[in-house]
């Protein structure tokens, strides 16, 4: 009887230990970088390079898709769009980035208010929120594989790479 009691206690402890491991290995919730946070990062990256930007400028791509880009840099051929789920529903089909390209940049034109006038050329840098997903609820038991800090750093690096590409390729022409 004592052995059965001891066996029951030990199996209960083993079962509860398995349950604790199961809880800690459950997946963490994920979410894309919030649009407001991305805007702050974009504005800081532009300011660090000495650029000023206008918000919400209408742009047309070569496939005739029109949308409102989040930023247009004053005096430069730069537009930046942070694509959220809402944007993907309203914008329409945006051509994919080139094969092997880490940065999604497409040529377009600003849309001017006067009909028949040609807009100014712009290079639109698309930042897809699905590429900036992080685990937002880590605990001491459950560590995040992708943190907000990592996603923040990656966006800053991508913006710096895009701006360097623009300055060394397009602006030098």
N, C-alpha and C. Protein backbone atom coordinates (compact mmCIF):
# COMPACT_ATOMS: atom_id res chain seq x y z
N UNK A 1 0.81 -1.18 0.00
CA UNK A 1 0.00 0.00 0.00
C UNK A 1 0.86 1.26 0.00
N UNK A 2 1.93 1.22 0.83
CA UNK A 2 2.85 2.35 0.87
C UNK A 2 3.49 2.59 -0.49
N UNK A 3 3.86 1.48 -1.15
CA UNK A 3 4.49 1.61 -2.46
C UNK A 3 3.52 2.20 -3.48
N UNK A 4 2.27 1.84 -3.44
CA UNK A 4 1.28 2.39 -4.37
C UNK A 4 1.09 3.89 -4.11
N UNK A 5 1.06 4.26 -2.83
CA UNK A 5 0.91 5.65 -2.47
C UNK A 5 2.11 6.47 -2.96
N UNK A 6 3.33 5.93 -2.74
CA UNK A 6 4.55 6.58 -3.18
C UNK A 6 4.59 6.67 -4.71
N UNK A 7 4.19 5.63 -5.38
CA UNK A 7 4.16 5.62 -6.85
C UNK A 7 3.18 6.67 -7.37
N UNK A 8 2.04 6.80 -6.70
CA UNK A 8 1.04 7.78 -7.12
C UNK A 8 1.59 9.21 -6.97
N UNK A 9 2.28 9.46 -5.86
CA UNK A 9 2.86 10.78 -5.63
C UNK A 9 3.92 11.09 -6.68
N UNK A 10 4.81 10.12 -6.92
CA UNK A 10 5.87 10.33 -7.91
C UNK A 10 5.31 10.54 -9.31
N UNK A 11 4.31 9.76 -9.68
CA UNK A 11 3.74 9.95 -11.02
C UNK A 11 3.02 11.29 -11.11
N UNK A 12 2.39 11.74 -10.02
CA UNK A 12 1.77 13.06 -9.99
C UNK A 12 2.79 14.16 -10.17
N UNK A 13 3.95 14.03 -9.50
CA UNK A 13 5.01 15.03 -9.65
C UNK A 13 5.55 15.03 -11.07
N UNK A 14 5.73 13.85 -11.63
CA UNK A 14 6.24 13.75 -13.00
C UNK A 14 5.23 14.37 -13.97
N UNK A 15 3.95 14.10 -13.75
CA UNK A 15 2.91 14.65 -14.62
C UNK A 15 2.88 16.18 -14.52
N UNK A 16 2.96 16.72 -13.32
CA UNK A 16 2.93 18.18 -13.17
C UNK A 16 4.18 18.82 -13.77
N UNK A 17 5.30 18.15 -13.67
CA UNK A 17 6.52 18.69 -14.29
C UNK A 17 6.37 18.72 -15.79
N UNK A 18 5.76 17.68 -16.37
CA UNK A 18 5.53 17.66 -17.81
C UNK A 18 4.59 18.79 -18.20
N UNK A 19 3.58 19.02 -17.37
CA UNK A 19 2.64 20.10 -17.66
C UNK A 19 3.33 21.45 -17.63
N UNK A 20 4.23 21.67 -16.70
CA UNK A 20 4.93 22.94 -16.62
C UNK A 20 5.80 23.14 -17.85
N UNK A 21 6.47 22.08 -18.29
CA UNK A 21 7.29 22.20 -19.50
C UNK A 21 6.40 22.51 -20.69
N UNK A 22 5.24 21.87 -20.74
CA UNK A 22 4.33 22.10 -21.86
C UNK A 22 3.89 23.56 -21.91
N UNK A 23 3.56 24.13 -20.78
CA UNK A 23 3.14 25.54 -20.75
C UNK A 23 4.25 26.45 -21.23
N UNK A 24 5.47 26.20 -20.79
CA UNK A 24 6.56 27.11 -21.13
C UNK A 24 6.99 26.97 -22.59
N UNK A 25 6.66 25.86 -23.23
CA UNK A 25 7.06 25.71 -24.62
C UNK A 25 5.94 26.09 -25.58
N UNK A 26 4.79 26.52 -25.05
CA UNK A 26 3.71 26.93 -25.94
C UNK A 26 4.16 28.19 -26.69
N UNK A 27 3.65 28.37 -27.89
CA UNK A 27 4.11 29.50 -28.70
C UNK A 27 3.70 30.84 -28.10
N UNK A 28 4.54 31.80 -28.30
CA UNK A 28 4.25 33.16 -27.86
C UNK A 28 3.39 33.84 -28.92
N UNK A 29 2.59 34.78 -28.48
CA UNK A 29 1.78 35.55 -29.41
C UNK A 29 2.69 36.48 -30.21
N UNK A 30 2.33 36.69 -31.47
CA UNK A 30 3.11 37.57 -32.33
C UNK A 30 2.23 38.68 -32.87
N UNK A 31 2.87 39.74 -33.26
CA UNK A 31 2.18 40.86 -33.90
C UNK A 31 3.20 41.63 -34.72
N UNK A 32 2.71 42.32 -35.76
CA UNK A 32 3.62 43.17 -36.53
C UNK A 32 3.92 44.45 -35.76
N UNK A 33 5.02 45.06 -36.10
CA UNK A 33 5.39 46.35 -35.53
C UNK A 33 4.24 47.33 -35.77
N UNK A 34 3.83 48.00 -34.73
CA UNK A 34 2.71 48.93 -34.84
C UNK A 34 3.07 50.07 -35.80
N UNK A 35 2.08 50.52 -36.54
CA UNK A 35 2.31 51.57 -37.53
C UNK A 35 2.85 52.84 -36.87
N UNK A 36 2.33 53.20 -35.72
CA UNK A 36 2.80 54.42 -35.04
C UNK A 36 4.27 54.30 -34.66
N UNK A 37 4.70 53.13 -34.24
CA UNK A 37 6.11 52.91 -33.89
C UNK A 37 6.97 52.96 -35.16
N UNK A 38 6.48 52.38 -36.24
CA UNK A 38 7.25 52.42 -37.50
C UNK A 38 7.39 53.85 -37.99
N UNK A 39 6.33 54.67 -37.83
CA UNK A 39 6.41 56.07 -38.26
C UNK A 39 7.48 56.81 -37.46
N UNK A 40 7.54 56.55 -36.18
CA UNK A 40 8.56 57.20 -35.34
C UNK A 40 9.96 56.82 -35.82
N UNK A 41 10.17 55.55 -36.13
CA UNK A 41 11.46 55.07 -36.61
C UNK A 41 11.80 55.71 -37.97
N UNK A 42 10.81 55.76 -38.87
CA UNK A 42 11.02 56.37 -40.19
C UNK A 42 11.41 57.83 -40.04
N UNK A 43 10.68 58.56 -39.22
CA UNK A 43 10.96 59.98 -39.03
C UNK A 43 12.35 60.20 -38.44
N UNK A 44 12.75 59.36 -37.49
CA UNK A 44 14.09 59.48 -36.90
C UNK A 44 15.17 59.18 -37.94
N UNK A 45 14.96 58.15 -38.76
CA UNK A 45 15.95 57.79 -39.79
C UNK A 45 16.10 58.92 -40.81
N UNK A 46 14.99 59.52 -41.21
CA UNK A 46 15.06 60.63 -42.17
C UNK A 46 15.74 61.84 -41.54
N UNK A 47 15.39 62.14 -40.31
CA UNK A 47 15.99 63.28 -39.62
C UNK A 47 17.50 63.10 -39.44
N UNK A 48 17.93 61.89 -39.12
CA UNK A 48 19.37 61.62 -38.95
C UNK A 48 20.15 61.91 -40.23
N UNK A 49 19.51 61.74 -41.40
CA UNK A 49 20.15 62.00 -42.69
C UNK A 49 19.92 63.42 -43.17
N UNK A 50 19.20 64.22 -42.37
CA UNK A 50 18.96 65.61 -42.75
C UNK A 50 17.79 65.80 -43.70
N UNK A 51 16.91 64.84 -43.80
CA UNK A 51 15.75 64.93 -44.69
C UNK A 51 14.52 65.40 -43.93
N UNK A 52 13.69 66.18 -44.61
CA UNK A 52 12.37 66.56 -44.10
C UNK A 52 11.35 65.89 -45.01
N UNK A 53 10.21 65.53 -44.47
CA UNK A 53 9.23 64.80 -45.26
C UNK A 53 7.83 65.35 -45.07
N UNK A 54 7.03 65.18 -46.12
CA UNK A 54 5.59 65.44 -46.05
C UNK A 54 4.91 64.10 -45.82
N UNK A 55 3.79 64.14 -45.14
CA UNK A 55 3.02 62.91 -44.92
C UNK A 55 1.90 62.82 -45.95
N UNK A 56 1.52 61.59 -46.24
CA UNK A 56 0.33 61.28 -47.04
C UNK A 56 0.33 61.95 -48.41
N UNK A 57 1.19 61.45 -49.28
CA UNK A 57 1.29 61.96 -50.65
C UNK A 57 0.83 60.87 -51.61
N UNK A 58 -0.06 61.23 -52.53
CA UNK A 58 -0.58 60.23 -53.47
C UNK A 58 0.48 59.90 -54.53
N UNK A 59 0.63 58.59 -54.76
CA UNK A 59 1.65 58.08 -55.68
C UNK A 59 0.97 57.09 -56.63
N UNK A 60 1.49 57.04 -57.86
CA UNK A 60 1.02 56.05 -58.83
C UNK A 60 2.21 55.22 -59.29
N UNK A 61 2.06 53.90 -59.25
CA UNK A 61 3.10 52.99 -59.72
C UNK A 61 2.94 52.76 -61.22
N UNK A 62 3.91 52.09 -61.82
CA UNK A 62 3.87 51.86 -63.27
C UNK A 62 2.68 51.00 -63.70
N UNK A 63 2.15 50.16 -62.77
CA UNK A 63 0.99 49.34 -63.13
C UNK A 63 -0.33 50.08 -62.88
N UNK A 64 -0.24 51.40 -62.69
CA UNK A 64 -1.40 52.31 -62.51
C UNK A 64 -2.07 52.18 -61.14
N UNK A 65 -1.48 51.45 -60.21
CA UNK A 65 -2.01 51.40 -58.85
C UNK A 65 -1.71 52.72 -58.17
N UNK A 66 -2.75 53.33 -57.62
CA UNK A 66 -2.59 54.59 -56.89
C UNK A 66 -2.84 54.33 -55.41
N UNK A 67 -2.06 54.98 -54.60
CA UNK A 67 -2.22 54.86 -53.16
C UNK A 67 -1.62 56.09 -52.50
N UNK A 68 -1.88 56.25 -51.23
CA UNK A 68 -1.31 57.36 -50.47
C UNK A 68 -0.11 56.84 -49.71
N UNK A 69 1.08 57.31 -50.10
CA UNK A 69 2.31 56.91 -49.41
C UNK A 69 2.38 57.66 -48.09
N UNK A 70 2.92 56.99 -47.09
CA UNK A 70 3.01 57.60 -45.76
C UNK A 70 3.92 58.81 -45.74
N UNK A 71 5.03 58.76 -46.49
CA UNK A 71 6.00 59.86 -46.49
C UNK A 71 6.50 60.14 -47.89
N UNK A 72 6.78 61.43 -48.15
CA UNK A 72 7.47 61.87 -49.36
C UNK A 72 8.52 62.86 -48.90
N UNK A 73 9.78 62.55 -49.18
CA UNK A 73 10.88 63.41 -48.74
C UNK A 73 10.93 64.65 -49.61
N UNK A 74 10.96 65.80 -48.97
CA UNK A 74 10.98 67.09 -49.68
C UNK A 74 12.27 67.24 -50.49
N UNK A 75 12.11 67.59 -51.76
CA UNK A 75 13.26 67.86 -52.62
C UNK A 75 13.99 66.62 -53.09
N UNK A 76 13.48 65.45 -52.80
CA UNK A 76 14.13 64.20 -53.21
C UNK A 76 13.09 63.29 -53.88
N UNK A 77 13.58 62.28 -54.56
CA UNK A 77 12.71 61.32 -55.23
C UNK A 77 12.45 60.12 -54.33
N UNK A 78 12.07 60.36 -53.09
CA UNK A 78 11.89 59.31 -52.10
C UNK A 78 10.47 59.35 -51.56
N UNK A 79 9.83 58.18 -51.56
CA UNK A 79 8.56 57.99 -50.87
C UNK A 79 8.69 56.71 -50.06
N UNK A 80 8.00 56.66 -48.93
CA UNK A 80 8.07 55.49 -48.05
C UNK A 80 6.65 55.11 -47.66
N UNK A 81 6.36 53.83 -47.77
CA UNK A 81 5.04 53.31 -47.41
C UNK A 81 5.19 52.12 -46.48
N UNK A 82 4.63 52.23 -45.28
CA UNK A 82 4.57 51.10 -44.34
C UNK A 82 3.26 50.38 -44.60
N UNK A 83 3.35 49.18 -45.17
CA UNK A 83 2.16 48.43 -45.57
C UNK A 83 1.60 47.63 -44.40
N UNK A 84 0.44 48.04 -43.94
CA UNK A 84 -0.27 47.30 -42.90
C UNK A 84 -1.35 46.45 -43.58
N UNK A 85 -2.03 45.64 -42.81
CA UNK A 85 -3.12 44.83 -43.35
C UNK A 85 -4.19 45.73 -43.98
N UNK A 86 -4.51 46.82 -43.32
CA UNK A 86 -5.50 47.77 -43.85
C UNK A 86 -5.04 48.34 -45.19
N UNK A 87 -3.74 48.68 -45.29
CA UNK A 87 -3.21 49.20 -46.55
C UNK A 87 -3.31 48.17 -47.67
N UNK A 88 -2.99 46.92 -47.36
CA UNK A 88 -3.05 45.87 -48.39
C UNK A 88 -4.47 45.70 -48.91
N UNK A 89 -5.47 45.91 -48.06
CA UNK A 89 -6.87 45.77 -48.49
C UNK A 89 -7.30 46.93 -49.38
N UNK A 90 -6.78 48.13 -49.15
CA UNK A 90 -7.23 49.30 -49.90
C UNK A 90 -6.32 49.67 -51.07
N UNK A 91 -5.06 49.28 -51.03
CA UNK A 91 -4.10 49.72 -52.05
C UNK A 91 -4.24 48.97 -53.36
N UNK A 92 -4.48 47.70 -53.30
CA UNK A 92 -4.52 46.91 -54.52
C UNK A 92 -3.20 46.18 -54.71
N UNK A 93 -3.01 45.66 -55.91
CA UNK A 93 -1.85 44.81 -56.20
C UNK A 93 -0.58 45.64 -56.37
N UNK A 94 0.35 45.41 -55.47
CA UNK A 94 1.65 46.06 -55.56
C UNK A 94 2.64 45.03 -56.07
N UNK A 95 3.36 45.33 -57.14
CA UNK A 95 4.33 44.35 -57.66
C UNK A 95 5.32 43.93 -56.57
N UNK A 96 5.73 42.69 -56.64
CA UNK A 96 6.68 42.14 -55.66
C UNK A 96 8.06 42.75 -55.85
N UNK A 97 8.86 42.63 -54.82
CA UNK A 97 10.26 43.06 -54.91
C UNK A 97 10.99 42.15 -55.90
N UNK A 98 12.09 42.64 -56.44
CA UNK A 98 12.89 41.85 -57.36
C UNK A 98 13.42 40.60 -56.69
N UNK A 99 13.66 39.56 -57.47
CA UNK A 99 14.18 38.31 -56.89
C UNK A 99 15.50 38.53 -56.17
N UNK A 100 15.58 38.02 -54.95
CA UNK A 100 16.80 38.14 -54.17
C UNK A 100 17.00 39.48 -53.51
N UNK A 101 16.07 40.41 -53.72
CA UNK A 101 16.20 41.74 -53.15
C UNK A 101 15.65 41.76 -51.73
N UNK A 102 16.42 42.30 -50.82
CA UNK A 102 15.96 42.43 -49.44
C UNK A 102 15.07 43.66 -49.28
N UNK A 103 15.32 44.68 -50.09
CA UNK A 103 14.55 45.91 -50.03
C UNK A 103 13.53 45.94 -51.16
N UNK A 104 12.32 46.36 -50.85
CA UNK A 104 11.23 46.41 -51.82
C UNK A 104 11.07 47.86 -52.28
N UNK A 105 11.68 48.18 -53.42
CA UNK A 105 11.66 49.55 -53.96
C UNK A 105 11.08 49.50 -55.36
N UNK A 106 10.10 50.37 -55.61
CA UNK A 106 9.48 50.45 -56.93
C UNK A 106 9.46 51.90 -57.39
N UNK A 107 9.61 52.08 -58.70
CA UNK A 107 9.54 53.42 -59.27
C UNK A 107 8.08 53.81 -59.45
N UNK A 108 7.82 55.08 -59.25
CA UNK A 108 6.47 55.60 -59.43
C UNK A 108 6.52 57.09 -59.69
N UNK A 109 5.36 57.72 -59.63
CA UNK A 109 5.25 59.16 -59.81
C UNK A 109 4.27 59.69 -58.78
N UNK A 110 4.53 60.93 -58.34
CA UNK A 110 3.54 61.57 -57.49
C UNK A 110 2.34 61.92 -58.36
N UNK A 111 1.19 61.97 -57.76
CA UNK A 111 -0.02 62.34 -58.49
C UNK A 111 -0.29 63.80 -58.17
N UNK A 112 -0.33 64.61 -59.22
CA UNK A 112 -0.54 66.04 -59.02
C UNK A 112 -2.03 66.34 -59.06
N UNK A 113 -2.45 67.41 -58.40
CA UNK A 113 -3.87 67.73 -58.37
C UNK A 113 -4.43 68.18 -59.72
N UNK A 114 -3.59 68.72 -60.61
CA UNK A 114 -4.08 69.20 -61.91
C UNK A 114 -4.11 68.04 -62.91
N UNK A 115 -5.25 67.78 -63.53
CA UNK A 115 -5.34 66.68 -64.49
C UNK A 115 -4.42 66.91 -65.69
N UNK A 116 -3.82 65.85 -66.16
CA UNK A 116 -2.97 65.94 -67.34
C UNK A 116 -1.53 66.31 -67.04
N UNK A 117 -1.24 66.80 -65.86
CA UNK A 117 0.14 67.14 -65.50
C UNK A 117 0.87 65.88 -65.06
N UNK A 118 2.12 65.78 -65.44
CA UNK A 118 2.93 64.64 -65.01
C UNK A 118 3.43 64.89 -63.59
N UNK A 119 3.36 63.87 -62.80
CA UNK A 119 3.88 63.97 -61.45
C UNK A 119 5.40 63.84 -61.46
N UNK A 120 5.97 64.03 -60.30
CA UNK A 120 7.42 63.91 -60.16
C UNK A 120 7.78 62.44 -59.92
N UNK A 121 8.91 61.98 -60.47
CA UNK A 121 9.31 60.59 -60.24
C UNK A 121 9.71 60.38 -58.78
N UNK A 122 9.37 59.21 -58.27
CA UNK A 122 9.76 58.83 -56.91
C UNK A 122 10.13 57.36 -56.89
N UNK A 123 10.97 57.02 -55.94
CA UNK A 123 11.30 55.63 -55.65
C UNK A 123 10.64 55.32 -54.32
N UNK A 124 9.67 54.41 -54.38
CA UNK A 124 8.87 54.09 -53.20
C UNK A 124 9.49 52.89 -52.49
N UNK A 125 9.83 53.10 -51.24
CA UNK A 125 10.34 52.02 -50.39
C UNK A 125 9.16 51.46 -49.61
N UNK A 126 8.81 50.20 -49.90
CA UNK A 126 7.71 49.53 -49.22
C UNK A 126 8.25 48.74 -48.04
N UNK A 127 7.65 48.96 -46.90
CA UNK A 127 7.99 48.23 -45.68
C UNK A 127 6.75 47.42 -45.32
N UNK A 128 6.82 46.12 -45.52
CA UNK A 128 5.67 45.24 -45.28
C UNK A 128 5.66 44.82 -43.82
N UNK A 129 4.59 45.12 -43.10
CA UNK A 129 4.55 44.81 -41.67
C UNK A 129 4.68 43.31 -41.40
N UNK A 130 4.37 42.45 -42.38
CA UNK A 130 4.52 40.99 -42.18
C UNK A 130 5.98 40.58 -42.06
N UNK A 131 6.89 41.45 -42.48
CA UNK A 131 8.32 41.18 -42.34
C UNK A 131 8.90 41.73 -41.03
N UNK A 132 8.05 42.35 -40.23
CA UNK A 132 8.50 42.95 -38.97
C UNK A 132 7.61 42.50 -37.82
N UNK A 133 7.52 41.17 -37.69
CA UNK A 133 6.68 40.55 -36.67
C UNK A 133 7.56 40.15 -35.49
N UNK A 134 7.07 40.40 -34.30
CA UNK A 134 7.83 40.05 -33.09
C UNK A 134 6.90 39.38 -32.08
N UNK A 135 7.50 38.75 -31.10
CA UNK A 135 6.75 38.10 -30.03
C UNK A 135 6.65 39.09 -28.87
N UNK A 136 5.44 39.51 -28.58
CA UNK A 136 5.27 40.65 -27.67
C UNK A 136 4.99 40.29 -26.22
N UNK A 137 4.85 39.02 -25.90
CA UNK A 137 4.51 38.69 -24.52
C UNK A 137 5.44 37.66 -23.89
N UNK A 138 6.76 37.87 -23.97
CA UNK A 138 7.65 36.89 -23.34
C UNK A 138 7.55 36.95 -21.82
N UNK A 139 7.88 35.84 -21.21
CA UNK A 139 7.92 35.77 -19.74
C UNK A 139 9.27 35.18 -19.36
N UNK A 140 9.49 35.04 -18.07
CA UNK A 140 10.75 34.44 -17.65
C UNK A 140 10.81 32.97 -18.06
N UNK A 141 9.67 32.33 -18.21
CA UNK A 141 9.61 30.93 -18.66
C UNK A 141 9.69 30.81 -20.18
N UNK A 142 9.15 31.81 -20.87
CA UNK A 142 9.04 31.74 -22.33
C UNK A 142 9.76 32.93 -22.96
N UNK A 143 10.92 32.69 -23.47
CA UNK A 143 11.73 33.75 -24.08
C UNK A 143 11.29 33.95 -25.53
N UNK A 144 11.35 35.19 -25.97
CA UNK A 144 10.99 35.52 -27.36
C UNK A 144 12.16 35.22 -28.28
N UNK A 145 11.86 34.62 -29.41
CA UNK A 145 12.88 34.42 -30.44
C UNK A 145 13.12 35.70 -31.23
N UNK A 146 12.05 36.47 -31.43
CA UNK A 146 12.15 37.74 -32.13
C UNK A 146 11.52 38.81 -31.23
N UNK A 147 12.32 39.76 -30.83
CA UNK A 147 11.87 40.78 -29.89
C UNK A 147 11.55 42.09 -30.61
N UNK A 148 10.89 42.97 -29.90
CA UNK A 148 10.60 44.30 -30.43
C UNK A 148 11.90 45.03 -30.77
N UNK A 149 12.90 44.89 -29.92
CA UNK A 149 14.19 45.54 -30.17
C UNK A 149 14.82 45.05 -31.47
N UNK A 150 14.72 43.75 -31.73
CA UNK A 150 15.29 43.21 -32.98
C UNK A 150 14.56 43.76 -34.20
N UNK A 151 13.24 43.80 -34.14
CA UNK A 151 12.45 44.31 -35.27
C UNK A 151 12.72 45.80 -35.47
N UNK A 152 12.81 46.55 -34.38
CA UNK A 152 13.14 47.97 -34.43
C UNK A 152 14.49 48.17 -35.13
N UNK A 153 15.49 47.40 -34.71
CA UNK A 153 16.84 47.51 -35.30
C UNK A 153 16.84 47.14 -36.77
N UNK A 154 16.09 46.10 -37.13
CA UNK A 154 16.04 45.67 -38.53
C UNK A 154 15.40 46.74 -39.41
N UNK A 155 14.34 47.38 -38.92
CA UNK A 155 13.72 48.45 -39.70
C UNK A 155 14.67 49.63 -39.86
N UNK A 156 15.38 49.99 -38.81
CA UNK A 156 16.35 51.09 -38.90
C UNK A 156 17.45 50.75 -39.92
N UNK A 157 17.92 49.51 -39.90
CA UNK A 157 18.96 49.09 -40.84
C UNK A 157 18.44 49.13 -42.28
N UNK A 158 17.21 48.63 -42.49
CA UNK A 158 16.64 48.64 -43.84
C UNK A 158 16.45 50.07 -44.35
N UNK A 159 16.00 50.96 -43.48
CA UNK A 159 15.85 52.36 -43.89
C UNK A 159 17.21 52.96 -44.24
N UNK A 160 18.22 52.70 -43.42
CA UNK A 160 19.57 53.21 -43.70
C UNK A 160 20.09 52.64 -45.02
N UNK A 161 19.84 51.36 -45.27
CA UNK A 161 20.28 50.74 -46.53
C UNK A 161 19.57 51.37 -47.73
N UNK A 162 18.26 51.60 -47.60
CA UNK A 162 17.51 52.23 -48.69
C UNK A 162 18.02 53.64 -48.97
N UNK A 163 18.19 54.42 -47.91
CA UNK A 163 18.65 55.79 -48.09
C UNK A 163 20.07 55.83 -48.67
N UNK A 164 20.94 54.91 -48.25
CA UNK A 164 22.29 54.82 -48.83
C UNK A 164 22.22 54.45 -50.30
N UNK A 165 21.36 53.49 -50.63
CA UNK A 165 21.18 53.10 -52.04
C UNK A 165 20.74 54.31 -52.86
N UNK A 166 19.75 55.03 -52.35
CA UNK A 166 19.23 56.20 -53.06
C UNK A 166 20.34 57.24 -53.24
N UNK A 167 21.05 57.57 -52.18
CA UNK A 167 22.08 58.62 -52.24
C UNK A 167 23.23 58.22 -53.17
N UNK A 168 23.59 56.94 -53.20
CA UNK A 168 24.74 56.50 -53.99
C UNK A 168 24.38 56.08 -55.40
N UNK A 169 23.12 55.84 -55.66
CA UNK A 169 22.72 55.38 -57.00
C UNK A 169 21.89 56.41 -57.73
N UNK A 170 20.80 56.82 -57.15
CA UNK A 170 19.86 57.73 -57.82
C UNK A 170 20.32 59.17 -57.75
N UNK A 171 20.71 59.61 -56.60
CA UNK A 171 21.10 61.01 -56.41
C UNK A 171 22.38 61.35 -57.17
N UNK A 172 23.23 60.38 -57.42
CA UNK A 172 24.51 60.60 -58.12
C UNK A 172 24.35 60.76 -59.62
N UNK A 173 23.17 60.44 -60.14
CA UNK A 173 22.94 60.52 -61.60
C UNK A 173 22.96 61.93 -62.09
